[in-house]
């Protein structure tokens, strides 16, 4: 980094670019948290569907004469 004084226009541009970069970084972090939350929710829904499906198949097997010995 240079220690020479900057002109007013250059410092204004630097401030704008720095603010824009901070917004992009915060937005990316927010998107990552949202994606993580969606993955967790979808995993929970899939697990619940699997449990319900297995329980339903168990009930069908118990009541069906085909599976009785």
PDB file of N, CA and C in Angstrom:
ATOM      1  N   UNK A   1       0.848  -1.178   0.000  1.00  0.00           N
ATOM      2  CA  UNK A   1       0.000   0.000   0.000  1.00  0.00           C
ATOM      3  C   UNK A   1       0.886   1.231   0.000  1.00  0.00           C
ATOM      4  N   UNK A   2       0.493   2.207  -0.744  1.00  0.00           N
ATOM      5  CA  UNK A   2       1.288   3.430  -0.764  1.00  0.00           C
ATOM      6  C   UNK A   2       0.788   4.371   0.323  1.00  0.00           C
ATOM      7  N   UNK A   3       1.697   5.160   0.829  1.00  0.00           N
ATOM      8  CA  UNK A   3       1.333   6.114   1.879  1.00  0.00           C
ATOM      9  C   UNK A   3       1.140   7.509   1.321  1.00  0.00           C
ATOM     10  N   UNK A   4       1.231   7.654   0.008  1.00  0.00           N
ATOM     11  CA  UNK A   4       1.046   8.967  -0.602  1.00  0.00           C
ATOM     12  C   UNK A   4      -0.415   9.375  -0.471  1.00  0.00           C
ATOM     13  N   UNK A   5      -0.671  10.658  -0.262  1.00  0.00           N
ATOM     14  CA  UNK A   5      -2.061  11.106  -0.155  1.00  0.00           C
ATOM     15  C   UNK A   5      -2.791  10.895  -1.478  1.00  0.00           C
ATOM     16  N   UNK A   6      -4.045  10.511  -1.367  1.00  0.00           N
ATOM     17  CA  UNK A   6      -4.852  10.239  -2.547  1.00  0.00           C
ATOM     18  C   UNK A   6      -5.695  11.458  -2.873  1.00  0.00           C
ATOM     19  N   UNK A   7      -6.056  11.550  -4.117  1.00  0.00           N
ATOM     20  CA  UNK A   7      -6.941  12.642  -4.493  1.00  0.00           C
ATOM     21  C   UNK A   7      -8.349  12.336  -3.993  1.00  0.00           C
ATOM     22  N   UNK A   8      -9.180  13.335  -3.967  1.00  0.00           N
ATOM     23  CA  UNK A   8     -10.544  13.152  -3.474  1.00  0.00           C
ATOM     24  C   UNK A   8     -11.338  12.168  -4.308  1.00  0.00           C
ATOM     25  N   UNK A   9     -11.171  12.210  -5.626  1.00  0.00           N
ATOM     26  CA  UNK A   9     -11.915  11.309  -6.506  1.00  0.00           C
ATOM     27  C   UNK A   9     -11.459   9.869  -6.304  1.00  0.00           C
ATOM     28  N   UNK A  10     -10.160   9.670  -6.170  1.00  0.00           N
ATOM     29  CA  UNK A  10      -9.646   8.312  -5.995  1.00  0.00           C
ATOM     30  C   UNK A  10     -10.111   7.735  -4.663  1.00  0.00           C
ATOM     31  N   UNK A  11     -10.098   8.527  -3.609  1.00  0.00           N
ATOM     32  CA  UNK A  11     -10.533   8.006  -2.316  1.00  0.00           C
ATOM     33  C   UNK A  11     -12.034   7.709  -2.336  1.00  0.00           C
ATOM     34  N   UNK A  12     -12.810   8.512  -3.056  1.00  0.00           N
ATOM     35  CA  UNK A  12     -14.244   8.265  -3.170  1.00  0.00           C
ATOM     36  C   UNK A  12     -14.497   6.951  -3.906  1.00  0.00           C
ATOM     37  N   UNK A  13     -13.753   6.713  -4.984  1.00  0.00           N
ATOM     38  CA  UNK A  13     -13.889   5.468  -5.741  1.00  0.00           C
ATOM     39  C   UNK A  13     -13.473   4.291  -4.876  1.00  0.00           C
ATOM     40  N   UNK A  14     -12.383   4.455  -4.126  1.00  0.00           N
ATOM     41  CA  UNK A  14     -11.933   3.383  -3.235  1.00  0.00           C
ATOM     42  C   UNK A  14     -12.997   3.055  -2.195  1.00  0.00           C
ATOM     43  N   UNK A  15     -13.621   4.074  -1.629  1.00  0.00           N
ATOM     44  CA  UNK A  15     -14.668   3.836  -0.634  1.00  0.00           C
ATOM     45  C   UNK A  15     -15.857   3.116  -1.255  1.00  0.00           C
ATOM     46  N   UNK A  16     -16.235   3.515  -2.458  1.00  0.00           N
ATOM     47  CA  UNK A  16     -17.357   2.850  -3.138  1.00  0.00           C
ATOM     48  C   UNK A  16     -17.030   1.391  -3.423  1.00  0.00           C
ATOM     49  N   UNK A  17     -15.824   1.142  -3.931  1.00  0.00           N
ATOM     50  CA  UNK A  17     -15.435  -0.236  -4.234  1.00  0.00           C
ATOM     51  C   UNK A  17     -15.349  -1.079  -2.971  1.00  0.00           C
ATOM     52  N   UNK A  18     -14.836  -0.487  -1.898  1.00  0.00           N
ATOM     53  CA  UNK A  18     -14.730  -1.220  -0.639  1.00  0.00           C
ATOM     54  C   UNK A  18     -16.129  -1.555  -0.097  1.00  0.00           C
ATOM     55  N   UNK A  19     -17.042  -0.608  -0.156  1.00  0.00           N
ATOM     56  CA  UNK A  19     -18.415  -0.862   0.290  1.00  0.00           C
ATOM     57  C   UNK A  19     -19.096  -1.922  -0.557  1.00  0.00           C
ATOM     58  N   UNK A  20     -18.869  -1.878  -1.867  1.00  0.00           N
ATOM     59  CA  UNK A  20     -19.450  -2.876  -2.764  1.00  0.00           C
ATOM     60  C   UNK A  20     -18.903  -4.260  -2.450  1.00  0.00           C
ATOM     61  N   UNK A  21     -17.594  -4.347  -2.204  1.00  0.00           N
ATOM     62  CA  UNK A  21     -16.981  -5.641  -1.886  1.00  0.00           C
ATOM     63  C   UNK A  21     -17.534  -6.196  -0.570  1.00  0.00           C
ATOM     64  N   UNK A  22     -17.733  -5.337   0.426  1.00  0.00           N
ATOM     65  CA  UNK A  22     -18.289  -5.804   1.703  1.00  0.00           C
ATOM     66  C   UNK A  22     -19.699  -6.343   1.513  1.00  0.00           C
ATOM     67  N   UNK A  23     -20.506  -5.666   0.700  1.00  0.00           N
ATOM     68  CA  UNK A  23     -21.869  -6.144   0.450  1.00  0.00           C
ATOM     69  C   UNK A  23     -21.856  -7.494  -0.253  1.00  0.00           C
ATOM     70  N   UNK A  24     -20.962  -7.663  -1.205  1.00  0.00           N
ATOM     71  CA  UNK A  24     -20.877  -8.939  -1.929  1.00  0.00           C
ATOM     72  C   UNK A  24     -20.497 -10.057  -0.971  1.00  0.00           C
ATOM     73  N   UNK A  25     -19.521  -9.812  -0.094  1.00  0.00           N
ATOM     74  CA  UNK A  25     -19.076 -10.839   0.853  1.00  0.00           C
ATOM     75  C   UNK A  25     -20.207 -11.195   1.806  1.00  0.00           C
ATOM     76  N   UNK A  26     -20.909 -10.205   2.334  1.00  0.00           N
ATOM     77  CA  UNK A  26     -22.016 -10.484   3.255  1.00  0.00           C
ATOM     78  C   UNK A  26     -23.140 -11.226   2.543  1.00  0.00           C
ATOM     79  N   UNK A  27     -23.411 -10.851   1.311  1.00  0.00           N
ATOM     80  CA  UNK A  27     -24.466 -11.523   0.549  1.00  0.00           C
ATOM     81  C   UNK A  27     -24.087 -12.980   0.292  1.00  0.00           C
ATOM     82  N   UNK A  28     -22.815 -13.222  -0.020  1.00  0.00           N
ATOM     83  CA  UNK A  28     -22.370 -14.599  -0.266  1.00  0.00           C
ATOM     84  C   UNK A  28     -22.486 -15.431   1.003  1.00  0.00           C
ATOM     85  N   UNK A  29     -22.135 -14.851   2.149  1.00  0.00           N
ATOM     86  CA  UNK A  29     -22.268 -15.580   3.412  1.00  0.00           C
ATOM     87  C   UNK A  29     -23.733 -15.906   3.691  1.00  0.00           C
ATOM     88  N   UNK A  30     -24.619 -14.957   3.416  1.00  0.00           N
ATOM     89  CA  UNK A  30     -26.048 -15.187   3.636  1.00  0.00           C
ATOM     90  C   UNK A  30     -26.552 -16.302   2.722  1.00  0.00           C
ATOM     91  N   UNK A  31     -26.114 -16.301   1.471  1.00  0.00           N
ATOM     92  CA  UNK A  31     -26.526 -17.346   0.534  1.00  0.00           C
ATOM     93  C   UNK A  31     -26.037 -18.706   1.014  1.00  0.00           C
ATOM     94  N   UNK A  32     -24.811 -18.771   1.531  1.00  0.00           N
ATOM     95  CA  UNK A  32     -24.292 -20.041   2.031  1.00  0.00           C
ATOM     96  C   UNK A  32     -25.122 -20.551   3.205  1.00  0.00           C
ATOM     97  N   UNK A  33     -25.515 -19.669   4.123  1.00  0.00           N
ATOM     98  CA  UNK A  33     -26.343 -20.090   5.257  1.00  0.00           C
ATOM     99  C   UNK A  33     -27.711 -20.561   4.781  1.00  0.00           C
ATOM    100  N   UNK A  34     -28.282 -19.876   3.786  1.00  0.00           N
ATOM    101  CA  UNK A  34     -29.591 -20.280   3.267  1.00  0.00           C
ATOM    102  C   UNK A  34     -29.499 -21.642   2.594  1.00  0.00           C
ATOM    103  N   UNK A  35     -28.423 -21.868   1.834  1.00  0.00           N
ATOM    104  CA  UNK A  35     -28.243 -23.167   1.177  1.00  0.00           C
ATOM    105  C   UNK A  35     -28.077 -24.263   2.219  1.00  0.00           C
ATOM    106  N   UNK A  36     -27.300 -23.993   3.268  1.00  0.00           N
ATOM    107  CA  UNK A  36     -27.123 -24.984   4.332  1.00  0.00           C
ATOM    108  C   UNK A  36     -28.457 -25.305   4.997  1.00  0.00           C
ATOM    109  N   UNK A  37     -29.257 -24.290   5.264  1.00  0.00           N
ATOM    110  CA  UNK A  37     -30.570 -24.499   5.868  1.00  0.00           C
ATOM    111  C   UNK A  37     -31.469 -25.336   4.956  1.00  0.00           C
ATOM    112  N   UNK A  38     -31.442 -25.054   3.657  1.00  0.00           N
ATOM    113  CA  UNK A  38     -32.251 -25.839   2.721  1.00  0.00           C
ATOM    114  C   UNK A  38     -31.804 -27.294   2.671  1.00  0.00           C
ATOM    115  N   UNK A  39     -30.500 -27.533   2.723  1.00  0.00           N
ATOM    116  CA  UNK A  39     -29.994 -28.911   2.714  1.00  0.00           C
ATOM    117  C   UNK A  39     -30.472 -29.654   3.954  1.00  0.00           C
ATOM    118  N   UNK A  40     -30.415 -28.997   5.111  1.00  0.00           N
ATOM    119  CA  UNK A  40     -30.851 -29.636   6.357  1.00  0.00           C
ATOM    120  C   UNK A  40     -32.352 -29.924   6.312  1.00  0.00           C
ATOM    121  N   UNK A  41     -33.135 -28.969   5.843  1.00  0.00           N
ATOM    122  CA  UNK A  41     -34.589 -29.158   5.773  1.00  0.00           C
ATOM    123  C   UNK A  41     -34.938 -30.280   4.796  1.00  0.00           C
ATOM    124  N   UNK A  42     -34.295 -30.289   3.634  1.00  0.00           N
ATOM    125  CA  UNK A  42     -34.572 -31.353   2.653  1.00  0.00           C
ATOM    126  C   UNK A  42     -34.157 -32.716   3.198  1.00  0.00           C
ATOM    127  N   UNK A  43     -33.061 -32.775   3.929  1.00  0.00           N
ATOM    128  CA  UNK A  43     -32.656 -34.034   4.551  1.00  0.00           C
ATOM    129  C   UNK A  43     -33.675 -34.508   5.569  1.00  0.00           C
ATOM    130  N   UNK A  44     -34.205 -33.588   6.353  1.00  0.00           N
ATOM    131  CA  UNK A  44     -35.230 -33.947   7.329  1.00  0.00           C
ATOM    132  C   UNK A  44     -36.502 -34.445   6.671  1.00  0.00           C
ATOM    133  N   UNK A  45     -36.918 -33.783   5.603  1.00  0.00           N
ATOM    134  CA  UNK A  45     -38.121 -34.214   4.883  1.00  0.00           C
ATOM    135  C   UNK A  45     -37.903 -35.591   4.269  1.00  0.00           C
ATOM    136  N   UNK A  46     -36.733 -35.814   3.695  1.00  0.00           N
ATOM    137  CA  UNK A  46     -36.435 -37.119   3.096  1.00  0.00           C
ATOM    138  C   UNK A  46     -36.418 -38.213   4.150  1.00  0.00           C
ATOM    139  N   UNK A  47     -35.828 -37.935   5.298  1.00  0.00           N
ATOM    140  CA  UNK A  47     -35.797 -38.929   6.377  1.00  0.00           C
ATOM    141  C   UNK A  47     -37.210 -39.239   6.866  1.00  0.00           C
ATOM    142  N   UNK A  48     -38.037 -38.219   7.009  1.00  0.00           N
ATOM    143  CA  UNK A  48     -39.417 -38.441   7.457  1.00  0.00           C
ATOM    144  C   UNK A  48     -40.190 -39.271   6.434  1.00  0.00           C
ATOM    145  N   UNK A  49     -40.005 -38.982   5.156  1.00  0.00           N
ATOM    146  CA  UNK A  49     -40.690 -39.769   4.121  1.00  0.00           C
ATOM    147  C   UNK A  49     -40.231 -41.218   4.144  1.00  0.00           C
ATOM    148  N   UNK A  50     -38.946 -41.436   4.364  1.00  0.00           N
ATOM    149  CA  UNK A  50     -38.421 -42.799   4.403  1.00  0.00           C
ATOM    150  C   UNK A  50     -38.997 -43.580   5.579  1.00  0.00           C
ATOM    151  N   UNK A  51     -39.085 -42.934   6.738  1.00  0.00           N
ATOM    152  CA  UNK A  51     -39.654 -43.596   7.916  1.00  0.00           C
ATOM    153  C   UNK A  51     -41.122 -43.922   7.682  1.00  0.00           C
ATOM    154  N   UNK A  52     -41.868 -42.974   7.140  1.00  0.00           N
ATOM    155  CA  UNK A  52     -43.292 -43.209   6.875  1.00  0.00           C
ATOM    156  C   UNK A  52     -43.461 -44.332   5.859  1.00  0.00           C
ATOM    157  N   UNK A  53     -42.628 -44.348   4.829  1.00  0.00           N
ATOM    158  CA  UNK A  53     -42.723 -45.398   3.806  1.00  0.00           C
ATOM    159  C   UNK A  53     -42.422 -46.763   4.407  1.00  0.00           C
ATOM    160  N   UNK A  54     -41.376 -46.857   5.208  1.00  0.00           N
ATOM    161  CA  UNK A  54     -41.031 -48.144   5.811  1.00  0.00           C
ATOM    162  C   UNK A  54     -42.126 -48.625   6.758  1.00  0.00           C
ATOM    163  N   UNK A  55     -42.689 -47.716   7.540  1.00  0.00           N
ATOM    164  CA  UNK A  55     -43.773 -48.105   8.451  1.00  0.00           C
ATOM    165  C   UNK A  55     -45.007 -48.554   7.674  1.00  0.00           C
ATOM    166  N   UNK A  56     -45.308 -47.876   6.579  1.00  0.00           N
ATOM    167  CA  UNK A  56     -46.456 -48.261   5.758  1.00  0.00           C
ATOM    168  C   UNK A  56     -46.243 -49.638   5.145  1.00  0.00           C
ATOM    169  N   UNK A  57     -45.038 -49.888   4.636  1.00  0.00           N
ATOM    170  CA  UNK A  57     -44.761 -51.205   4.057  1.00  0.00           C
ATOM    171  C   UNK A  57     -44.832 -52.295   5.117  1.00  0.00           C
ATOM    172  N   UNK A  58     -44.384 -52.007   6.329  1.00  0.00           N
ATOM    173  CA  UNK A  58     -44.492 -52.989   7.412  1.00  0.00           C
ATOM    174  C   UNK A  58     -45.951 -53.309   7.718  1.00  0.00           C
ATOM    175  N   UNK A  59     -46.797 -52.286   7.737  1.00  0.00           N
ATOM    176  CA  UNK A  59     -48.222 -52.514   7.987  1.00  0.00           C
ATOM    177  C   UNK A  59     -48.855 -53.325   6.860  1.00  0.00           C
ATOM    178  N   UNK A  60     -48.473 -53.060   5.629  1.00  0.00           N
ATOM    179  CA  UNK A  60     -49.017 -53.817   4.497  1.00  0.00           C
ATOM    180  C   UNK A  60     -48.583 -55.271   4.595  1.00  0.00           C
ATOM    181  N   UNK A  61     -47.335 -55.505   4.945  1.00  0.00           N
ATOM    182  CA  UNK A  61     -46.840 -56.877   5.053  1.00  0.00           C
ATOM    183  C   UNK A  61     -47.555 -57.637   6.167  1.00  0.00           C
ATOM    184  N   UNK A  62     -47.862 -56.957   7.264  1.00  0.00           N
ATOM    185  CA  UNK A  62     -48.545 -57.630   8.383  1.00  0.00           C
ATOM    186  C   UNK A  62     -49.962 -58.043   7.997  1.00  0.00           C
ATOM    187  N   UNK A  63     -50.653 -57.195   7.232  1.00  0.00           N
ATOM    188  CA  UNK A  63     -52.050 -57.454   6.884  1.00  0.00           C
ATOM    189  C   UNK A  63     -52.207 -58.308   5.631  1.00  0.00           C
ATOM    190  N   UNK A  64     -51.189 -58.406   4.813  1.00  0.00           N
ATOM    191  CA  UNK A  64     -51.318 -59.118   3.546  1.00  0.00           C
ATOM    192  C   UNK A  64     -51.142 -60.621   3.741  1.00  0.00           C
ATOM    193  N   UNK A  65     -52.049 -61.424   3.177  1.00  0.00           N
ATOM    194  CA  UNK A  65     -51.899 -62.884   3.303  1.00  0.00           C
ATOM    195  C   UNK A  65     -50.701 -63.418   2.522  1.00  0.00           C
ATOM    196  N   UNK A  66     -50.205 -62.674   1.568  1.00  0.00           N
ATOM    197  CA  UNK A  66     -49.061 -63.123   0.778  1.00  0.00           C
ATOM    198  C   UNK A  66     -47.821 -63.252   1.654  1.00  0.00           C
ATOM    199  N   UNK A  67     -47.666 -62.331   2.610  1.00  0.00           N
ATOM    200  CA  UNK A  67     -46.469 -62.326   3.443  1.00  0.00           C
ATOM    201  C   UNK A  67     -46.618 -63.157   4.715  1.00  0.00           C
ATOM    202  N   UNK A  68     -47.797 -63.681   4.984  1.00  0.00           N
ATOM    203  CA  UNK A  68     -47.985 -64.468   6.209  1.00  0.00           C
ATOM    204  C   UNK A  68     -47.544 -65.910   5.973  1.00  0.00           C
ATOM    205  N   UNK A  69     -46.957 -66.494   6.987  1.00  0.00           N
ATOM    206  CA  UNK A  69     -46.452 -67.870   6.864  1.00  0.00           C
ATOM    207  C   UNK A  69     -47.466 -68.853   7.394  1.00  0.00           C
TER     208      UNK A  69
END
